[in-house]
Amino acid sequence: MIAKKYSASLHVKALHTLHKRMPRNHPKYVMIKDEYYQKLNGEIGEEVVMKVFEQLKLPYKFYVFHNISLYAESLFQIDVLLITPYYAFVFEVKNIKGEIVFTDQQLTRTLETNKTDSYESPVLQLAEYEYQLNQIFKATGINLPIHGAVVFAFATSNIKVPPTNKTLLFRRGIKPYLRSIQTNSPILNEAKLDNLKEYLLKANIDFQPFPLTEHYEINPDSIRNGVECRNCGLVGMKKVIRNWYCPSCKATQRNAHEAALVDYFLVCKNTISNQECQKFLNLNNKHEATKILKSPLLIKTGQSRNSKYTIKEISIQRKKTAKGNQFTWESN
């Protein structure tokens, strides 16, 4: 049973926004671009792996959690966690194309072009997550063995040298591997398993490094202002009566400013004033900003010139289109 279903990452959406709104000559542009695509590929891998768990059947009760962030000695995030009456299992998901070599400290990838990249060892990541999870289990009086595996989401990963001390699976091997695990007497009865599920859900701490300009030490003044056209992607729509107009593709969109406000809170600052709204949306005057800031998406604090606005909690959806990955959002 899925206890915490797959959901698109707000962090990936925020990186997409930052990458889109940074000038290409910015000294951190390449770093942000690389991190965005690395995180996006990881998320795509996690999505297809979670589809396997949605179809999983075992002869005993179990719960699956996607992207659960917990705190023991430090904050850690597990791609996929499985808990059963007999064991817990941590899955570290990778979506890395090319020839893969595991060493003690690193994973290296070589493409057909002979370009080589190095990554942090997922084996070391797993060891840390298993240790931290065990600390949580000890603190709650649970003596459940913890196993782990590195999972490659796609067959485009060619494993030349596998890890010597950790299970490696491709996503289609997950179900037969779990079915092959021998079980004896259950350590947790169903009630205790249910209690553990609820404990983990309540203990989950969503990773929210926002605004990203603060997280990455980027001057917010270097971020491109403007409202993005959903039709052609131009950042620079013009405010007209009751609408936004795109000078590039001639499209009109009534609420295009709402997505821009989400961008602002993810990237620039966690509050916005009337003056900051005018500047970021390229509005003509404070009256236009006042109308926009009355949005039900926002929460107002303060009065008159001291008014500040924050955004309500939102969730993100991502879909692949002919124009690339597109993110949509909704207020919770």
C-alpha atoms as a PDB file:
ATOM      1  CA  MET A   1       0.000   0.000   0.000  1.00  0.00           C
ATOM      2  CA  ILE A   2       1.262   3.477  -0.854  1.00  0.00           C
ATOM      3  CA  ALA A   3       1.503   5.564   2.328  1.00  0.00           C
ATOM      4  CA  LYS A   4       3.153   8.587   0.681  1.00  0.00           C
ATOM      5  CA  LYS A   5       2.503   8.686  -3.047  1.00  0.00           C
ATOM      6  CA  TYR A   6       4.752  10.049  -5.764  1.00  0.00           C
ATOM      7  CA  SER A   7       4.628  13.818  -6.072  1.00  0.00           C
ATOM      8  CA  ALA A   8       6.613  16.217  -8.209  1.00  0.00           C
ATOM      9  CA  SER A   9       9.252  18.155  -6.313  1.00  0.00           C
ATOM     10  CA  LEU A  10       8.737  21.833  -5.543  1.00  0.00           C
ATOM     11  CA  HIS A  11      12.541  22.082  -5.447  1.00  0.00           C
ATOM     12  CA  VAL A  12      12.810  20.921  -9.085  1.00  0.00           C
ATOM     13  CA  LYS A  13      10.137  23.436 -10.131  1.00  0.00           C
ATOM     14  CA  ALA A  14      12.044  26.174  -8.279  1.00  0.00           C
ATOM     15  CA  LEU A  15      15.331  25.217  -9.987  1.00  0.00           C
ATOM     16  CA  HIS A  16      13.541  25.307 -13.353  1.00  0.00           C
ATOM     17  CA  THR A  17      12.305  28.828 -12.549  1.00  0.00           C
ATOM     18  CA  LEU A  18      15.731  30.006 -11.384  1.00  0.00           C
ATOM     19  CA  HIS A  19      17.443  28.545 -14.462  1.00  0.00           C
ATOM     20  CA  LYS A  20      14.845  30.179 -16.744  1.00  0.00           C
ATOM     21  CA  ARG A  21      15.131  33.612 -15.122  1.00  0.00           C
ATOM     22  CA  MET A  22      18.933  33.813 -14.730  1.00  0.00           C
ATOM     23  CA  PRO A  23      21.026  35.597 -17.370  1.00  0.00           C
ATOM     24  CA  ARG A  24      23.221  33.116 -19.233  1.00  0.00           C
ATOM     25  CA  ASN A  25      26.360  35.076 -18.409  1.00  0.00           C
ATOM     26  CA  HIS A  26      25.709  34.809 -14.677  1.00  0.00           C
ATOM     27  CA  PRO A  27      28.681  33.100 -12.938  1.00  0.00           C
ATOM     28  CA  LYS A  28      26.341  30.504 -11.353  1.00  0.00           C
ATOM     29  CA  TYR A  29      24.193  29.854 -14.432  1.00  0.00           C
ATOM     30  CA  VAL A  30      25.959  26.623 -15.486  1.00  0.00           C
ATOM     31  CA  MET A  31      25.912  25.272 -11.938  1.00  0.00           C
ATOM     32  CA  ILE A  32      22.161  25.928 -11.590  1.00  0.00           C
ATOM     33  CA  LYS A  33      21.474  24.462 -15.043  1.00  0.00           C
ATOM     34  CA  ASP A  34      23.427  21.273 -14.240  1.00  0.00           C
ATOM     35  CA  GLU A  35      21.726  20.869 -10.868  1.00  0.00           C
ATOM     36  CA  TYR A  36      18.285  21.400 -12.396  1.00  0.00           C
ATOM     37  CA  TYR A  37      18.759  18.681 -15.018  1.00  0.00           C
ATOM     38  CA  GLN A  38      20.353  16.310 -12.498  1.00  0.00           C
ATOM     39  CA  LYS A  39      17.420  16.747 -10.083  1.00  0.00           C
ATOM     40  CA  LEU A  40      14.887  16.511 -12.932  1.00  0.00           C
ATOM     41  CA  ASN A  41      16.394  13.247 -14.190  1.00  0.00           C
ATOM     42  CA  GLY A  42      16.349  11.886 -10.664  1.00  0.00           C
ATOM     43  CA  GLU A  43      12.688  12.793 -10.292  1.00  0.00           C
ATOM     44  CA  ILE A  44      11.799  11.117 -13.601  1.00  0.00           C
ATOM     45  CA  GLY A  45      13.558   7.975 -12.363  1.00  0.00           C
ATOM     46  CA  GLU A  46      11.691   8.050  -9.057  1.00  0.00           C
ATOM     47  CA  GLU A  47       8.371   8.445 -10.872  1.00  0.00           C
ATOM     48  CA  VAL A  48       8.825   5.281 -12.963  1.00  0.00           C
ATOM     49  CA  VAL A  49      10.137   3.319  -9.959  1.00  0.00           C
ATOM     50  CA  MET A  50       7.109   4.335  -7.897  1.00  0.00           C
ATOM     51  CA  LYS A  51       4.872   2.906 -10.639  1.00  0.00           C
ATOM     52  CA  VAL A  52       6.482  -0.474  -9.867  1.00  0.00           C
ATOM     53  CA  PHE A  53       5.595  -0.123  -6.181  1.00  0.00           C
ATOM     54  CA  GLU A  54       2.026   0.848  -7.066  1.00  0.00           C
ATOM     55  CA  GLN A  55       1.699  -2.597  -8.706  1.00  0.00           C
ATOM     56  CA  LEU A  56       3.573  -4.506  -5.978  1.00  0.00           C
ATOM     57  CA  LYS A  57       1.847  -7.373  -4.179  1.00  0.00           C
ATOM     58  CA  LEU A  58       3.436  -9.238  -1.265  1.00  0.00           C
ATOM     59  CA  PRO A  59       1.993 -11.968   0.980  1.00  0.00           C
ATOM     60  CA  TYR A  60       2.098  -9.577   3.947  1.00  0.00           C
ATOM     61  CA  LYS A  61       1.108  -6.006   4.705  1.00  0.00           C
ATOM     62  CA  PHE A  62       3.506  -3.227   3.721  1.00  0.00           C
ATOM     63  CA  TYR A  63       3.708   0.530   3.240  1.00  0.00           C
ATOM     64  CA  VAL A  64       5.682   2.524   0.662  1.00  0.00           C
ATOM     65  CA  PHE A  65       6.811   6.144   1.028  1.00  0.00           C
ATOM     66  CA  HIS A  66       8.142   8.358  -1.767  1.00  0.00           C
ATOM     67  CA  ASN A  67      10.647  11.103  -0.930  1.00  0.00           C
ATOM     68  CA  ILE A  68      10.313  10.975   2.823  1.00  0.00           C
ATOM     69  CA  SER A  69      12.532  13.418   4.728  1.00  0.00           C
ATOM     70  CA  LEU A  70      13.296  12.572   8.332  1.00  0.00           C
ATOM     71  CA  TYR A  71      15.507  13.929  11.087  1.00  0.00           C
ATOM     72  CA  ALA A  72      17.726  11.782  13.310  1.00  0.00           C
ATOM     73  CA  GLU A  73      21.251  13.108  13.821  1.00  0.00           C
ATOM     74  CA  SER A  74      20.672  15.271  10.731  1.00  0.00           C
ATOM     75  CA  LEU A  75      18.045  15.724   8.019  1.00  0.00           C
ATOM     76  CA  PHE A  76      18.041  12.973   5.384  1.00  0.00           C
ATOM     77  CA  GLN A  77      15.762  12.148   2.464  1.00  0.00           C
ATOM     78  CA  ILE A  78      14.994   8.632   1.242  1.00  0.00           C
ATOM     79  CA  ASP A  79      13.904   8.227  -2.397  1.00  0.00           C
ATOM     80  CA  VAL A  80      11.684   5.221  -1.650  1.00  0.00           C
ATOM     81  CA  LEU A  81      11.134   3.547   1.729  1.00  0.00           C
ATOM     82  CA  LEU A  82       9.337   0.230   2.226  1.00  0.00           C
ATOM     83  CA  ILE A  83       8.285  -0.959   5.680  1.00  0.00           C
ATOM     84  CA  THR A  84       6.914  -4.441   6.427  1.00  0.00           C
ATOM     85  CA  PRO A  85       6.326  -6.509   9.575  1.00  0.00           C
ATOM     86  CA  TYR A  86       9.667  -8.234   8.890  1.00  0.00           C
ATOM     87  CA  TYR A  87      12.049  -5.548   7.617  1.00  0.00           C
ATOM     88  CA  ALA A  88      12.453  -2.057   6.237  1.00  0.00           C
ATOM     89  CA  PHE A  89      14.017  -1.441   2.833  1.00  0.00           C
ATOM     90  CA  VAL A  90      15.664   1.758   1.579  1.00  0.00           C
ATOM     91  CA  PHE A  91      15.869   2.302  -2.188  1.00  0.00           C
ATOM     92  CA  GLU A  92      18.261   4.868  -3.660  1.00  0.00           C
ATOM     93  CA  VAL A  93      17.040   5.572  -7.205  1.00  0.00           C
ATOM     94  CA  LYS A  94      19.383   6.614 -10.030  1.00  0.00           C
ATOM     95  CA  ASN A  95      18.632   7.753 -13.573  1.00  0.00           C
ATOM     96  CA  ILE A  96      22.091   8.024 -15.109  1.00  0.00           C
ATOM     97  CA  LYS A  97      22.691   7.136 -18.754  1.00  0.00           C
ATOM     98  CA  GLY A  98      25.995   5.666 -19.922  1.00  0.00           C
ATOM     99  CA  GLU A  99      28.676   3.265 -18.744  1.00  0.00           C
ATOM    100  CA  ILE A 100      28.645   3.109 -14.937  1.00  0.00           C
ATOM    101  CA  VAL A 101      31.593   2.244 -12.689  1.00  0.00           C
ATOM    102  CA  PHE A 102      31.314   1.993  -8.908  1.00  0.00           C
ATOM    103  CA  THR A 103      34.363   2.629  -6.737  1.00  0.00           C
ATOM    104  CA  ASP A 104      34.645   2.850  -2.951  1.00  0.00           C
ATOM    105  CA  GLN A 105      33.940   6.589  -2.875  1.00  0.00           C
ATOM    106  CA  GLN A 106      32.352   7.500  -6.222  1.00  0.00           C
ATOM    107  CA  LEU A 107      30.192   6.551  -9.142  1.00  0.00           C
ATOM    108  CA  THR A 108      31.595   7.516 -12.542  1.00  0.00           C
ATOM    109  CA  ARG A 109      29.664   7.690 -15.778  1.00  0.00           C
ATOM    110  CA  THR A 110      31.141   7.665 -19.284  1.00  0.00           C
ATOM    111  CA  LEU A 111      29.035   8.622 -22.304  1.00  0.00           C
ATOM    112  CA  GLU A 112      29.539   7.464 -25.906  1.00  0.00           C
ATOM    113  CA  THR A 113      31.296  10.793 -26.517  1.00  0.00           C
ATOM    114  CA  ASN A 114      33.901   9.730 -23.877  1.00  0.00           C
ATOM    115  CA  LYS A 115      32.722  12.533 -21.591  1.00  0.00           C
ATOM    116  CA  THR A 116      33.126  11.367 -18.000  1.00  0.00           C
ATOM    117  CA  ASP A 117      31.243  12.635 -14.939  1.00  0.00           C
ATOM    118  CA  SER A 118      31.676  11.742 -11.281  1.00  0.00           C
ATOM    119  CA  TYR A 119      28.920  11.504  -8.685  1.00  0.00           C
ATOM    120  CA  GLU A 120      28.699  10.903  -4.974  1.00  0.00           C
ATOM    121  CA  SER A 121      28.623   7.177  -4.253  1.00  0.00           C
ATOM    122  CA  PRO A 122      25.008   5.956  -3.865  1.00  0.00           C
ATOM    123  CA  VAL A 123      26.409   3.114  -1.745  1.00  0.00           C
ATOM    124  CA  LEU A 124      27.699   5.632   0.798  1.00  0.00           C
ATOM    125  CA  GLN A 125      24.396   7.521   0.594  1.00  0.00           C
ATOM    126  CA  LEU A 126      22.510   4.305   1.350  1.00  0.00           C
ATOM    127  CA  ALA A 127      24.757   3.461   4.286  1.00  0.00           C
ATOM    128  CA  GLU A 128      24.082   6.893   5.790  1.00  0.00           C
ATOM    129  CA  TYR A 129      20.315   6.654   5.276  1.00  0.00           C
ATOM    130  CA  GLU A 130      20.198   3.161   6.779  1.00  0.00           C
ATOM    131  CA  TYR A 131      22.176   4.363   9.802  1.00  0.00           C
ATOM    132  CA  GLN A 132      19.946   7.429  10.315  1.00  0.00           C
ATOM    133  CA  LEU A 133      16.760   5.397   9.920  1.00  0.00           C
ATOM    134  CA  ASN A 134      18.071   2.884  12.450  1.00  0.00           C
ATOM    135  CA  GLN A 135      18.596   5.739  14.920  1.00  0.00           C
ATOM    136  CA  ILE A 136      14.913   6.647  14.547  1.00  0.00           C
ATOM    137  CA  PHE A 137      13.882   3.012  15.027  1.00  0.00           C
ATOM    138  CA  LYS A 138      16.024   2.711  18.173  1.00  0.00           C
ATOM    139  CA  ALA A 139      14.556   5.919  19.620  1.00  0.00           C
ATOM    140  CA  THR A 140      11.024   4.565  19.103  1.00  0.00           C
ATOM    141  CA  GLY A 141      11.783   1.067  20.404  1.00  0.00           C
ATOM    142  CA  ILE A 142      11.565  -0.661  17.021  1.00  0.00           C
ATOM    143  CA  ASN A 143      13.982  -3.500  16.281  1.00  0.00           C
ATOM    144  CA  LEU A 144      13.363  -3.838  12.554  1.00  0.00           C
ATOM    145  CA  PRO A 145      16.261  -4.883  10.275  1.00  0.00           C
ATOM    146  CA  ILE A 146      17.012  -2.402   7.504  1.00  0.00           C
ATOM    147  CA  HIS A 147      18.136  -3.401   4.015  1.00  0.00           C
ATOM    148  CA  GLY A 148      19.048  -1.228   1.061  1.00  0.00           C
ATOM    149  CA  ALA A 149      19.551  -1.298  -2.704  1.00  0.00           C
ATOM    150  CA  VAL A 150      20.647   1.016  -5.484  1.00  0.00           C
ATOM    151  CA  VAL A 151      17.967   1.020  -8.201  1.00  0.00           C
ATOM    152  CA  PHE A 152      18.613   2.143 -11.773  1.00  0.00           C
ATOM    153  CA  ALA A 153      15.381   3.336 -13.359  1.00  0.00           C
ATOM    154  CA  PHE A 154      16.237   2.679 -17.017  1.00  0.00           C
ATOM    155  CA  ALA A 155      18.210   0.157 -19.062  1.00  0.00           C
ATOM    156  CA  THR A 156      20.260   3.019 -20.580  1.00  0.00           C
ATOM    157  CA  SER A 157      22.523   2.588 -17.533  1.00  0.00           C
ATOM    158  CA  ASN A 158      25.246   0.102 -18.516  1.00  0.00           C
ATOM    159  CA  ILE A 159      26.787  -1.210 -15.290  1.00  0.00           C
ATOM    160  CA  LYS A 160      30.415  -2.017 -16.098  1.00  0.00           C
ATOM    161  CA  VAL A 161      31.622  -2.330 -12.493  1.00  0.00           C
ATOM    162  CA  PRO A 162      28.866  -2.915  -9.909  1.00  0.00           C
ATOM    163  CA  PRO A 163      29.213  -2.195  -6.196  1.00  0.00           C
ATOM    164  CA  THR A 164      30.871  -4.998  -4.229  1.00  0.00           C
ATOM    165  CA  ASN A 165      28.967  -4.578  -0.960  1.00  0.00           C
ATOM    166  CA  LYS A 166      25.438  -3.455  -1.842  1.00  0.00           C
ATOM    167  CA  THR A 167      22.490  -4.847  -3.805  1.00  0.00           C
ATOM    168  CA  LEU A 168      21.999  -3.312  -7.257  1.00  0.00           C
ATOM    169  CA  LEU A 169      18.699  -3.617  -9.107  1.00  0.00           C
ATOM    170  CA  PHE A 170      17.028  -2.350 -12.234  1.00  0.00           C
ATOM    171  CA  ARG A 171      13.442  -1.296 -11.681  1.00  0.00           C
ATOM    172  CA  ARG A 172      11.976  -4.423 -13.288  1.00  0.00           C
ATOM    173  CA  GLY A 173      13.951  -6.507 -10.814  1.00  0.00           C
ATOM    174  CA  ILE A 174      12.382  -4.915  -7.733  1.00  0.00           C
ATOM    175  CA  LYS A 175       9.283  -7.093  -7.503  1.00  0.00           C
ATOM    176  CA  PRO A 176      11.001 -10.501  -7.974  1.00  0.00           C
ATOM    177  CA  TYR A 177      13.757  -9.477  -5.553  1.00  0.00           C
ATOM    178  CA  LEU A 178      11.287  -8.549  -2.802  1.00  0.00           C
ATOM    179  CA  ARG A 179       9.290 -11.731  -3.377  1.00  0.00           C
ATOM    180  CA  SER A 180      12.484 -13.757  -2.892  1.00  0.00           C
ATOM    181  CA  ILE A 181      13.202 -12.377   0.596  1.00  0.00           C
ATOM    182  CA  GLN A 182      12.799 -15.119   3.183  1.00  0.00           C
ATOM    183  CA  THR A 183      10.640 -14.218   6.192  1.00  0.00           C
ATOM    184  CA  ASN A 184      10.080 -16.016   9.495  1.00  0.00           C
ATOM    185  CA  SER A 185       8.169 -14.629  12.460  1.00  0.00           C
ATOM    186  CA  PRO A 186       6.968 -11.022  12.081  1.00  0.00           C
ATOM    187  CA  ILE A 187       8.706  -8.450  14.281  1.00  0.00           C
ATOM    188  CA  LEU A 188       5.785  -6.006  14.106  1.00  0.00           C
ATOM    189  CA  ASN A 189       2.127  -6.922  14.247  1.00  0.00           C
ATOM    190  CA  GLU A 190      -0.288  -5.043  11.990  1.00  0.00           C
ATOM    191  CA  ALA A 191      -1.190  -2.483  14.648  1.00  0.00           C
ATOM    192  CA  LYS A 192       2.478  -1.633  15.296  1.00  0.00           C
ATOM    193  CA  LEU A 193       3.159  -1.450  11.562  1.00  0.00           C
ATOM    194  CA  ASP A 194       0.256   0.981  11.208  1.00  0.00           C
ATOM    195  CA  ASN A 195       1.602   3.026  14.115  1.00  0.00           C
ATOM    196  CA  LEU A 196       5.035   3.159  12.486  1.00  0.00           C
ATOM    197  CA  LYS A 197       3.470   4.348   9.234  1.00  0.00           C
ATOM    198  CA  GLU A 198       1.651   7.167  11.014  1.00  0.00           C
ATOM    199  CA  TYR A 199       4.775   8.099  12.978  1.00  0.00           C
ATOM    200  CA  LEU A 200       6.867   8.388   9.808  1.00  0.00           C
ATOM    201  CA  LEU A 201       4.225  10.467   8.023  1.00  0.00           C
ATOM    202  CA  LYS A 202       4.020  12.891  10.941  1.00  0.00           C
ATOM    203  CA  ALA A 203       7.824  13.021  11.229  1.00  0.00           C
ATOM    204  CA  ASN A 204       8.245  13.869   7.535  1.00  0.00           C
ATOM    205  CA  ILE A 205       9.876  17.284   7.011  1.00  0.00           C
ATOM    206  CA  ASP A 206       9.554  18.593   3.465  1.00  0.00           C
ATOM    207  CA  PHE A 207      12.825  19.986   2.115  1.00  0.00           C
ATOM    208  CA  GLN A 208      12.099  23.627   1.237  1.00  0.00           C
ATOM    209  CA  PRO A 209      15.257  25.655   0.524  1.00  0.00           C
ATOM    210  CA  PHE A 210      13.259  28.704  -0.552  1.00  0.00           C
ATOM    211  CA  PRO A 211      13.846  31.325  -1.753  1.00  0.00           C
ATOM    212  CA  LEU A 212      16.542  29.761  -3.928  1.00  0.00           C
ATOM    213  CA  THR A 213      18.478  33.007  -4.402  1.00  0.00           C
ATOM    214  CA  GLU A 214      19.141  32.952  -0.669  1.00  0.00           C
ATOM    215  CA  HIS A 215      19.959  29.223  -0.660  1.00  0.00           C
ATOM    216  CA  TYR A 216      22.483  29.576  -3.519  1.00  0.00           C
ATOM    217  CA  GLU A 217      23.705  33.040  -2.482  1.00  0.00           C
ATOM    218  CA  ILE A 218      22.523  34.738  -5.682  1.00  0.00           C
ATOM    219  CA  ASN A 219      21.589  38.430  -5.758  1.00  0.00           C
ATOM    220  CA  PRO A 220      17.807  38.608  -6.390  1.00  0.00           C
ATOM    221  CA  ASP A 221      18.372  41.750  -8.485  1.00  0.00           C
ATOM    222  CA  SER A 222      20.035  39.540 -11.110  1.00  0.00           C
ATOM    223  CA  ILE A 223      16.800  37.581 -11.661  1.00  0.00           C
ATOM    224  CA  ARG A 224      14.783  38.537 -14.731  1.00  0.00           C
ATOM    225  CA  ASN A 225      11.459  40.202 -13.883  1.00  0.00           C
ATOM    226  CA  GLY A 226       8.262  39.704 -15.855  1.00  0.00           C
ATOM    227  CA  VAL A 227       5.260  37.456 -16.471  1.00  0.00           C
ATOM    228  CA  GLU A 228       5.833  34.331 -18.567  1.00  0.00           C
ATOM    229  CA  CYS A 229       3.596  33.451 -21.506  1.00  0.00           C
ATOM    230  CA  ARG A 230       2.306  29.893 -21.109  1.00  0.00           C
ATOM    231  CA  ASN A 231       1.973  29.621 -24.883  1.00  0.00           C
ATOM    232  CA  CYS A 232       5.461  30.540 -26.132  1.00  0.00           C
ATOM    233  CA  GLY A 233       7.555  30.911 -22.957  1.00  0.00           C
ATOM    234  CA  LEU A 234       8.405  34.608 -23.357  1.00  0.00           C
ATOM    235  CA  VAL A 235       9.091  36.276 -20.016  1.00  0.00           C
ATOM    236  CA  GLY A 236       7.720  39.751 -20.654  1.00  0.00           C
ATOM    237  CA  MET A 237       3.948  39.776 -21.098  1.00  0.00           C
ATOM    238  CA  LYS A 238       2.267  43.204 -20.994  1.00  0.00           C
ATOM    239  CA  LYS A 239      -0.563  44.103 -18.621  1.00  0.00           C
ATOM    240  CA  VAL A 240      -3.653  45.246 -20.476  1.00  0.00           C
ATOM    241  CA  ILE A 241      -7.229  45.731 -19.267  1.00  0.00           C
ATOM    242  CA  ARG A 242      -8.378  42.515 -17.531  1.00  0.00           C
ATOM    243  CA  ASN A 243      -5.677  40.523 -19.297  1.00  0.00           C
ATOM    244  CA  TRP A 244      -2.021  39.872 -20.073  1.00  0.00           C
ATOM    245  CA  TYR A 245      -0.814  40.205 -23.666  1.00  0.00           C
ATOM    246  CA  CYS A 246       2.206  38.466 -25.203  1.00  0.00           C
ATOM    247  CA  PRO A 247       3.992  40.682 -27.752  1.00  0.00           C
ATOM    248  CA  SER A 248       5.703  37.608 -29.234  1.00  0.00           C
ATOM    249  CA  CYS A 249       2.887  35.143 -30.007  1.00  0.00           C
ATOM    250  CA  LYS A 250      -0.037  37.591 -29.502  1.00  0.00           C
ATOM    251  CA  ALA A 251      -1.697  35.304 -26.928  1.00  0.00           C
ATOM    252  CA  THR A 252      -3.789  36.758 -24.101  1.00  0.00           C
ATOM    253  CA  GLN A 253      -4.021  35.126 -20.664  1.00  0.00           C
ATOM    254  CA  ARG A 254      -6.195  36.396 -17.840  1.00  0.00           C
ATOM    255  CA  ASN A 255      -4.332  35.050 -14.797  1.00  0.00           C
ATOM    256  CA  ALA A 256      -0.779  34.733 -16.108  1.00  0.00           C
ATOM    257  CA  HIS A 257       0.494  36.763 -13.140  1.00  0.00           C
ATOM    258  CA  GLU A 258      -0.353  33.954 -10.708  1.00  0.00           C
ATOM    259  CA  ALA A 259       2.405  31.679 -12.028  1.00  0.00           C
ATOM    260  CA  ALA A 260       4.827  34.617 -11.893  1.00  0.00           C
ATOM    261  CA  LEU A 261       3.965  35.183  -8.226  1.00  0.00           C
ATOM    262  CA  VAL A 262       4.710  31.519  -7.514  1.00  0.00           C
ATOM    263  CA  ASP A 263       8.074  32.011  -9.270  1.00  0.00           C
ATOM    264  CA  TYR A 264       8.779  35.053  -7.113  1.00  0.00           C
ATOM    265  CA  PHE A 265       8.196  33.226  -3.817  1.00  0.00           C
ATOM    266  CA  LEU A 266      10.206  30.180  -4.878  1.00  0.00           C
ATOM    267  CA  VAL A 267      13.180  32.159  -6.142  1.00  0.00           C
ATOM    268  CA  CYS A 268      13.338  35.726  -4.878  1.00  0.00           C
ATOM    269  CA  LYS A 269      11.825  36.295  -1.455  1.00  0.00           C
ATOM    270  CA  ASN A 270       9.276  34.749   0.929  1.00  0.00           C
ATOM    271  CA  THR A 271       7.263  37.981   1.225  1.00  0.00           C
ATOM    272  CA  ILE A 272       6.181  40.565  -1.329  1.00  0.00           C
ATOM    273  CA  SER A 273       5.094  44.190  -0.997  1.00  0.00           C
ATOM    274  CA  ASN A 274       3.078  46.339  -3.385  1.00  0.00           C
ATOM    275  CA  GLN A 275       6.247  47.988  -4.688  1.00  0.00           C
ATOM    276  CA  GLU A 276       8.030  44.647  -5.148  1.00  0.00           C
ATOM    277  CA  CYS A 277       4.981  43.304  -6.979  1.00  0.00           C
ATOM    278  CA  GLN A 278       5.004  46.285  -9.351  1.00  0.00           C
ATOM    279  CA  LYS A 279       8.681  45.742 -10.091  1.00  0.00           C
ATOM    280  CA  PHE A 280       8.596  41.954 -10.555  1.00  0.00           C
ATOM    281  CA  LEU A 281       5.475  41.880 -12.740  1.00  0.00           C
ATOM    282  CA  ASN A 282       6.457  45.041 -14.665  1.00  0.00           C
ATOM    283  CA  LEU A 283       3.174  46.742 -13.753  1.00  0.00           C
ATOM    284  CA  ASN A 284       2.207  50.275 -14.674  1.00  0.00           C
ATOM    285  CA  ASN A 285       1.191  51.492 -11.210  1.00  0.00           C
ATOM    286  CA  LYS A 286       0.452  50.536  -7.598  1.00  0.00           C
ATOM    287  CA  HIS A 287      -3.293  50.180  -8.255  1.00  0.00           C
ATOM    288  CA  GLU A 288      -2.701  47.235 -10.598  1.00  0.00           C
ATOM    289  CA  ALA A 289      -0.496  45.655  -7.931  1.00  0.00           C
ATOM    290  CA  THR A 290      -3.160  46.200  -5.255  1.00  0.00           C
ATOM    291  CA  LYS A 291      -5.743  44.294  -7.311  1.00  0.00           C
ATOM    292  CA  ILE A 292      -3.345  41.416  -7.983  1.00  0.00           C
ATOM    293  CA  LEU A 293      -2.285  41.164  -4.332  1.00  0.00           C
ATOM    294  CA  LYS A 294      -5.914  40.553  -3.327  1.00  0.00           C
ATOM    295  CA  SER A 295      -5.504  37.068  -4.812  1.00  0.00           C
ATOM    296  CA  PRO A 296      -6.869  34.171  -2.686  1.00  0.00           C
ATOM    297  CA  LEU A 297      -3.423  32.553  -3.145  1.00  0.00           C
ATOM    298  CA  LEU A 298      -1.886  35.127  -0.804  1.00  0.00           C
ATOM    299  CA  ILE A 299      -1.992  35.854   2.910  1.00  0.00           C
ATOM    300  CA  LYS A 300      -1.775  39.504   3.980  1.00  0.00           C
ATOM    301  CA  THR A 301      -0.013  40.764   7.097  1.00  0.00           C
ATOM    302  CA  GLY A 302       0.313  44.389   8.224  1.00  0.00           C
ATOM    303  CA  GLN A 303      -1.661  47.443   7.171  1.00  0.00           C
ATOM    304  CA  SER A 304      -1.386  50.144   4.510  1.00  0.00           C
ATOM    305  CA  ARG A 305       2.195  50.799   3.362  1.00  0.00           C
ATOM    306  CA  ASN A 306       3.513  48.155   5.771  1.00  0.00           C
ATOM    307  CA  SER A 307       1.467  45.387   4.160  1.00  0.00           C
ATOM    308  CA  LYS A 308       3.344  42.243   3.179  1.00  0.00           C
ATOM    309  CA  TYR A 309       2.021  39.147   1.459  1.00  0.00           C
ATOM    310  CA  THR A 310       3.036  35.490   1.656  1.00  0.00           C
ATOM    311  CA  ILE A 311       1.815  32.587  -0.450  1.00  0.00           C
ATOM    312  CA  LYS A 312      -0.343  29.720   0.743  1.00  0.00           C
ATOM    313  CA  GLU A 313       0.993  26.177   0.539  1.00  0.00           C
ATOM    314  CA  ILE A 314       1.082  24.864  -3.038  1.00  0.00           C
ATOM    315  CA  SER A 315       1.694  21.531  -4.757  1.00  0.00           C
ATOM    316  CA  ILE A 316       3.346  20.920  -8.119  1.00  0.00           C
ATOM    317  CA  GLN A 317       2.583  18.671 -11.080  1.00  0.00           C
ATOM    318  CA  ARG A 318       5.022  18.029 -13.921  1.00  0.00           C
ATOM    319  CA  LYS A 319       4.239  16.713 -17.389  1.00  0.00           C
ATOM    320  CA  LYS A 320       6.294  16.069 -20.495  1.00  0.00           C
ATOM    321  CA  THR A 321       5.171  18.048 -23.560  1.00  0.00           C
ATOM    322  CA  ALA A 322       6.512  18.744 -27.033  1.00  0.00           C
ATOM    323  CA  LYS A 323       7.989  21.950 -25.586  1.00  0.00           C
ATOM    324  CA  GLY A 324       9.752  20.097 -22.758  1.00  0.00           C
ATOM    325  CA  ASN A 325       8.825  19.599 -19.121  1.00  0.00           C
ATOM    326  CA  GLN A 326       6.001  21.870 -17.991  1.00  0.00           C
ATOM    327  CA  PHE A 327       5.104  22.557 -14.369  1.00  0.00           C
ATOM    328  CA  THR A 328       1.653  23.399 -13.106  1.00  0.00           C
ATOM    329  CA  TRP A 329       0.672  24.182  -9.532  1.00  0.00           C
ATOM    330  CA  GLU A 330      -2.350  24.401  -7.310  1.00  0.00           C
ATOM    331  CA  SER A 331      -3.046  25.882  -3.900  1.00  0.00           C
ATOM    332  CA  ASN A 332      -3.563  23.329  -1.124  1.00  0.00           C
END
